[in-house]
């Protein structure tokens, strides 16, 4: 796995680590997802399709 894109990401603060810990202890029912837009199964499948199944773009300006 290439982590070169993560080189400029600062480490988590103690507060961020604490918040993540608190979230990890919550059940899915306790987490408020209301600010996240709903996505249909078709949208999910298209956005997160494995790269080998996505339509390949062709360069026509060769």
PDB file of N, CA and C in Angstrom:
ATOM      1  N   UNK A   1       0.845  -1.181   0.000  1.00  0.00           N
ATOM      2  CA  UNK A   1       0.000   0.000   0.000  1.00  0.00           C
ATOM      3  C   UNK A   1       0.888   1.240   0.000  1.00  0.00           C
ATOM      4  N   UNK A   2       0.565   2.185  -0.850  1.00  0.00           N
ATOM      5  CA  UNK A   2       1.353   3.401  -0.973  1.00  0.00           C
ATOM      6  C   UNK A   2       0.793   4.463  -0.049  1.00  0.00           C
ATOM      7  N   UNK A   3       1.583   4.898   0.926  1.00  0.00           N
ATOM      8  CA  UNK A   3       1.144   5.919   1.874  1.00  0.00           C
ATOM      9  C   UNK A   3       1.699   7.286   1.535  1.00  0.00           C
ATOM     10  N   UNK A   4       2.217   7.478   0.328  1.00  0.00           N
ATOM     11  CA  UNK A   4       2.832   8.755  -0.025  1.00  0.00           C
ATOM     12  C   UNK A   4       1.844   9.910   0.032  1.00  0.00           C
ATOM     13  N   UNK A   5       0.562   9.668  -0.193  1.00  0.00           N
ATOM     14  CA  UNK A   5      -0.427  10.747  -0.146  1.00  0.00           C
ATOM     15  C   UNK A   5      -0.734  11.169   1.293  1.00  0.00           C
ATOM     16  N   UNK A   6      -0.316  10.383   2.276  1.00  0.00           N
ATOM     17  CA  UNK A   6      -0.596  10.685   3.673  1.00  0.00           C
ATOM     18  C   UNK A   6       0.533  11.445   4.360  1.00  0.00           C
ATOM     19  N   UNK A   7       1.584  11.780   3.654  1.00  0.00           N
ATOM     20  CA  UNK A   7       2.743  12.408   4.271  1.00  0.00           C
ATOM     21  C   UNK A   7       2.432  13.771   4.865  1.00  0.00           C
ATOM     22  N   UNK A   8       1.488  14.513   4.294  1.00  0.00           N
ATOM     23  CA  UNK A   8       1.183  15.860   4.764  1.00  0.00           C
ATOM     24  C   UNK A   8       0.025  15.907   5.749  1.00  0.00           C
ATOM     25  N   UNK A   9      -0.463  14.765   6.162  1.00  0.00           N
ATOM     26  CA  UNK A   9      -1.569  14.734   7.108  1.00  0.00           C
ATOM     27  C   UNK A   9      -0.993  14.789   8.521  1.00  0.00           C
ATOM     28  N   UNK A  10      -1.416  15.789   9.312  1.00  0.00           N
ATOM     29  CA  UNK A  10      -0.879  15.896  10.676  1.00  0.00           C
ATOM     30  C   UNK A  10      -1.401  14.765  11.556  1.00  0.00           C
ATOM     31  N   UNK A  11      -0.689  14.422  12.596  1.00  0.00           N
ATOM     32  CA  UNK A  11      -1.167  13.375  13.508  1.00  0.00           C
ATOM     33  C   UNK A  11      -2.446  13.830  14.216  1.00  0.00           C
ATOM     34  N   UNK A  12      -3.221  12.873  14.665  1.00  0.00           N
ATOM     35  CA  UNK A  12      -4.453  13.192  15.381  1.00  0.00           C
ATOM     36  C   UNK A  12      -4.129  13.830  16.723  1.00  0.00           C
ATOM     37  N   UNK A  13      -4.981  14.758  17.120  1.00  0.00           N
ATOM     38  CA  UNK A  13      -4.822  15.385  18.434  1.00  0.00           C
ATOM     39  C   UNK A  13      -5.386  14.440  19.492  1.00  0.00           C
ATOM     40  N   UNK A  14      -5.102  14.717  20.750  1.00  0.00           N
ATOM     41  CA  UNK A  14      -5.651  13.901  21.834  1.00  0.00           C
ATOM     42  C   UNK A  14      -7.174  13.955  21.837  1.00  0.00           C
ATOM     43  N   UNK A  15      -7.719  15.136  21.552  1.00  0.00           N
ATOM     44  CA  UNK A  15      -9.183  15.275  21.500  1.00  0.00           C
ATOM     45  C   UNK A  15      -9.773  14.431  20.371  1.00  0.00           C
ATOM     46  N   UNK A  16      -9.143  14.426  19.201  1.00  0.00           N
ATOM     47  CA  UNK A  16      -9.639  13.630  18.081  1.00  0.00           C
ATOM     48  C   UNK A  16      -9.581  12.135  18.410  1.00  0.00           C
ATOM     49  N   UNK A  17      -8.502  11.726  19.036  1.00  0.00           N
ATOM     50  CA  UNK A  17      -8.371  10.321  19.427  1.00  0.00           C
ATOM     51  C   UNK A  17      -9.469   9.958  20.419  1.00  0.00           C
ATOM     52  N   UNK A  18      -9.737  10.841  21.387  1.00  0.00           N
ATOM     53  CA  UNK A  18     -10.783  10.605  22.372  1.00  0.00           C
ATOM     54  C   UNK A  18     -12.148  10.499  21.702  1.00  0.00           C
ATOM     55  N   UNK A  19     -12.438  11.386  20.759  1.00  0.00           N
ATOM     56  CA  UNK A  19     -13.731  11.353  20.061  1.00  0.00           C
ATOM     57  C   UNK A  19     -13.894  10.066  19.257  1.00  0.00           C
ATOM     58  N   UNK A  20     -12.836   9.624  18.610  1.00  0.00           N
ATOM     59  CA  UNK A  20     -12.892   8.365  17.866  1.00  0.00           C
ATOM     60  C   UNK A  20     -13.116   7.188  18.805  1.00  0.00           C
ATOM     61  N   UNK A  21     -12.465   7.233  19.942  1.00  0.00           N
ATOM     62  CA  UNK A  21     -12.661   6.180  20.941  1.00  0.00           C
ATOM     63  C   UNK A  21     -14.124   6.141  21.378  1.00  0.00           C
ATOM     64  N   UNK A  22     -14.694   7.312  21.677  1.00  0.00           N
ATOM     65  CA  UNK A  22     -16.093   7.375  22.098  1.00  0.00           C
ATOM     66  C   UNK A  22     -17.017   6.836  21.001  1.00  0.00           C
ATOM     67  N   UNK A  23     -16.750   7.192  19.765  1.00  0.00           N
ATOM     68  CA  UNK A  23     -17.557   6.669  18.654  1.00  0.00           C
ATOM     69  C   UNK A  23     -17.445   5.153  18.541  1.00  0.00           C
ATOM     70  N   UNK A  24     -16.278   4.629  18.758  1.00  0.00           N
ATOM     71  CA  UNK A  24     -16.080   3.186  18.637  1.00  0.00           C
ATOM     72  C   UNK A  24     -16.886   2.409  19.663  1.00  0.00           C
ATOM     73  N   UNK A  25     -17.228   3.056  20.771  1.00  0.00           N
ATOM     74  CA  UNK A  25     -18.010   2.405  21.824  1.00  0.00           C
ATOM     75  C   UNK A  25     -19.511   2.480  21.575  1.00  0.00           C
ATOM     76  N   UNK A  26     -19.929   3.292  20.604  1.00  0.00           N
ATOM     77  CA  UNK A  26     -21.353   3.470  20.320  1.00  0.00           C
ATOM     78  C   UNK A  26     -21.856   2.399  19.356  1.00  0.00           C
ATOM     79  N   UNK A  27     -23.121   2.038  19.526  1.00  0.00           N
ATOM     80  CA  UNK A  27     -23.743   1.147  18.549  1.00  0.00           C
ATOM     81  C   UNK A  27     -24.177   1.981  17.345  1.00  0.00           C
ATOM     82  N   UNK A  28     -24.440   1.336  16.237  1.00  0.00           N
ATOM     83  CA  UNK A  28     -24.881   2.054  15.040  1.00  0.00           C
ATOM     84  C   UNK A  28     -26.170   2.833  15.295  1.00  0.00           C
ATOM     85  N   UNK A  29     -27.033   2.296  16.141  1.00  0.00           N
ATOM     86  CA  UNK A  29     -28.306   2.960  16.441  1.00  0.00           C
ATOM     87  C   UNK A  29     -28.122   4.260  17.214  1.00  0.00           C
ATOM     88  N   UNK A  30     -27.018   4.402  17.903  1.00  0.00           N
ATOM     89  CA  UNK A  30     -26.760   5.602  18.691  1.00  0.00           C
ATOM     90  C   UNK A  30     -26.117   6.725  17.883  1.00  0.00           C
ATOM     91  N   UNK A  31     -25.628   6.424  16.700  1.00  0.00           N
ATOM     92  CA  UNK A  31     -24.935   7.414  15.875  1.00  0.00           C
ATOM     93  C   UNK A  31     -25.942   8.138  14.998  1.00  0.00           C
ATOM     94  N   UNK A  32     -25.878   9.465  14.990  1.00  0.00           N
ATOM     95  CA  UNK A  32     -26.792  10.290  14.202  1.00  0.00           C
ATOM     96  C   UNK A  32     -26.258  10.418  12.773  1.00  0.00           C
ATOM     97  N   UNK A  33     -26.962   9.826  11.842  1.00  0.00           N
ATOM     98  CA  UNK A  33     -26.574   9.867  10.429  1.00  0.00           C
ATOM     99  C   UNK A  33     -27.425  10.861   9.638  1.00  0.00           C
ATOM    100  N   UNK A  34     -28.219  11.677  10.304  1.00  0.00           N
ATOM    101  CA  UNK A  34     -29.188  12.529   9.617  1.00  0.00           C
ATOM    102  C   UNK A  34     -28.556  13.574   8.701  1.00  0.00           C
ATOM    103  N   UNK A  35     -27.293  13.923   8.927  1.00  0.00           N
ATOM    104  CA  UNK A  35     -26.651  14.932   8.078  1.00  0.00           C
ATOM    105  C   UNK A  35     -25.959  14.321   6.862  1.00  0.00           C
ATOM    106  N   UNK A  36     -26.089  13.012   6.696  1.00  0.00           N
ATOM    107  CA  UNK A  36     -25.469  12.330   5.558  1.00  0.00           C
ATOM    108  C   UNK A  36     -26.559  12.046   4.525  1.00  0.00           C
ATOM    109  N   UNK A  37     -26.374  12.483   3.270  1.00  0.00           N
ATOM    110  CA  UNK A  37     -27.409  12.224   2.267  1.00  0.00           C
ATOM    111  C   UNK A  37     -27.567  10.728   1.999  1.00  0.00           C
ATOM    112  N   UNK A  38     -28.806  10.333   1.761  1.00  0.00           N
ATOM    113  CA  UNK A  38     -29.063   8.918   1.449  1.00  0.00           C
ATOM    114  C   UNK A  38     -28.544   8.606   0.053  1.00  0.00           C
ATOM    115  N   UNK A  39     -28.150   7.374  -0.142  1.00  0.00           N
ATOM    116  CA  UNK A  39     -27.645   6.935  -1.435  1.00  0.00           C
ATOM    117  C   UNK A  39     -28.372   5.646  -1.799  1.00  0.00           C
ATOM    118  N   UNK A  40     -28.767   5.536  -3.055  1.00  0.00           N
ATOM    119  CA  UNK A  40     -29.465   4.328  -3.497  1.00  0.00           C
ATOM    120  C   UNK A  40     -28.453   3.206  -3.713  1.00  0.00           C
ATOM    121  N   UNK A  41     -28.955   2.000  -3.785  1.00  0.00           N
ATOM    122  CA  UNK A  41     -28.090   0.841  -4.018  1.00  0.00           C
ATOM    123  C   UNK A  41     -27.374   0.985  -5.361  1.00  0.00           C
ATOM    124  N   UNK A  42     -28.073   1.510  -6.367  1.00  0.00           N
ATOM    125  CA  UNK A  42     -27.466   1.688  -7.689  1.00  0.00           C
ATOM    126  C   UNK A  42     -26.334   2.712  -7.631  1.00  0.00           C
ATOM    127  N   UNK A  43     -26.564   3.823  -6.915  1.00  0.00           N
ATOM    128  CA  UNK A  43     -25.515   4.839  -6.772  1.00  0.00           C
ATOM    129  C   UNK A  43     -24.304   4.254  -6.044  1.00  0.00           C
ATOM    130  N   UNK A  44     -24.551   3.500  -4.985  1.00  0.00           N
ATOM    131  CA  UNK A  44     -23.467   2.878  -4.221  1.00  0.00           C
ATOM    132  C   UNK A  44     -22.651   1.944  -5.120  1.00  0.00           C
ATOM    133  N   UNK A  45     -23.355   1.099  -5.858  1.00  0.00           N
ATOM    134  CA  UNK A  45     -22.663   0.139  -6.717  1.00  0.00           C
ATOM    135  C   UNK A  45     -21.840   0.825  -7.796  1.00  0.00           C
ATOM    136  N   UNK A  46     -22.323   1.935  -8.328  1.00  0.00           N
ATOM    137  CA  UNK A  46     -21.586   2.644  -9.372  1.00  0.00           C
ATOM    138  C   UNK A  46     -20.373   3.376  -8.796  1.00  0.00           C
ATOM    139  N   UNK A  47     -20.528   4.022  -7.662  1.00  0.00           N
ATOM    140  CA  UNK A  47     -19.433   4.794  -7.073  1.00  0.00           C
ATOM    141  C   UNK A  47     -18.334   3.911  -6.512  1.00  0.00           C
ATOM    142  N   UNK A  48     -18.697   2.741  -6.007  1.00  0.00           N
ATOM    143  CA  UNK A  48     -17.719   1.896  -5.333  1.00  0.00           C
ATOM    144  C   UNK A  48     -17.470   0.587  -6.068  1.00  0.00           C
ATOM    145  N   UNK A  49     -17.658   0.647  -7.371  1.00  0.00           N
ATOM    146  CA  UNK A  49     -17.402  -0.515  -8.214  1.00  0.00           C
ATOM    147  C   UNK A  49     -15.891  -0.750  -8.281  1.00  0.00           C
ATOM    148  N   UNK A  50     -15.458  -1.997  -8.195  1.00  0.00           N
ATOM    149  CA  UNK A  50     -14.019  -2.275  -8.336  1.00  0.00           C
ATOM    150  C   UNK A  50     -13.494  -1.723  -9.655  1.00  0.00           C
ATOM    151  N   UNK A  51     -12.290  -1.200  -9.638  1.00  0.00           N
ATOM    152  CA  UNK A  51     -11.733  -0.542 -10.819  1.00  0.00           C
ATOM    153  C   UNK A  51     -11.720  -1.459 -12.037  1.00  0.00           C
ATOM    154  N   UNK A  52     -11.582  -2.741 -11.824  1.00  0.00           N
ATOM    155  CA  UNK A  52     -11.557  -3.664 -12.976  1.00  0.00           C
ATOM    156  C   UNK A  52     -12.908  -3.752 -13.674  1.00  0.00           C
ATOM    157  N   UNK A  53     -13.978  -3.309 -13.003  1.00  0.00           N
ATOM    158  CA  UNK A  53     -15.308  -3.363 -13.600  1.00  0.00           C
ATOM    159  C   UNK A  53     -15.792  -2.016 -14.123  1.00  0.00           C
ATOM    160  N   UNK A  54     -15.049  -0.951 -13.840  1.00  0.00           N
ATOM    161  CA  UNK A  54     -15.440   0.374 -14.310  1.00  0.00           C
ATOM    162  C   UNK A  54     -15.153   0.510 -15.802  1.00  0.00           C
ATOM    163  N   UNK A  55     -15.906   1.378 -16.449  1.00  0.00           N
ATOM    164  CA  UNK A  55     -15.656   1.647 -17.857  1.00  0.00           C
ATOM    165  C   UNK A  55     -14.283   2.306 -17.992  1.00  0.00           C
ATOM    166  N   UNK A  56     -13.496   1.812 -18.906  1.00  0.00           N
ATOM    167  CA  UNK A  56     -12.156   2.360 -19.112  1.00  0.00           C
ATOM    168  C   UNK A  56     -12.234   3.519 -20.099  1.00  0.00           C
ATOM    169  N   UNK A  57     -11.580   4.627 -19.752  1.00  0.00           N
ATOM    170  CA  UNK A  57     -11.533   5.776 -20.649  1.00  0.00           C
ATOM    171  C   UNK A  57     -10.457   5.532 -21.702  1.00  0.00           C
ATOM    172  N   UNK A  58     -10.743   5.954 -22.923  1.00  0.00           N
ATOM    173  CA  UNK A  58      -9.789   5.787 -24.008  1.00  0.00           C
ATOM    174  C   UNK A  58      -9.272   7.152 -24.448  1.00  0.00           C
ATOM    175  N   UNK A  59      -7.962   7.233 -24.623  1.00  0.00           N
ATOM    176  CA  UNK A  59      -7.341   8.461 -25.097  1.00  0.00           C
ATOM    177  C   UNK A  59      -7.452   8.480 -26.619  1.00  0.00           C
ATOM    178  N   UNK A  60      -8.155   9.465 -27.174  1.00  0.00           N
ATOM    179  CA  UNK A  60      -8.346   9.519 -28.622  1.00  0.00           C
ATOM    180  C   UNK A  60      -7.420  10.536 -29.270  1.00  0.00           C
ATOM    181  N   UNK A  61      -6.620  11.241 -28.480  1.00  0.00           N
ATOM    182  CA  UNK A  61      -5.710  12.264 -29.013  1.00  0.00           C
ATOM    183  C   UNK A  61      -4.267  11.749 -29.046  1.00  0.00           C
ATOM    184  N   UNK A  62      -4.067  10.628 -29.685  1.00  0.00           N
ATOM    185  CA  UNK A  62      -2.710  10.064 -29.722  1.00  0.00           C
ATOM    186  C   UNK A  62      -1.956  10.493 -30.953  1.00  0.00           C
TER     187      UNK A  62
END
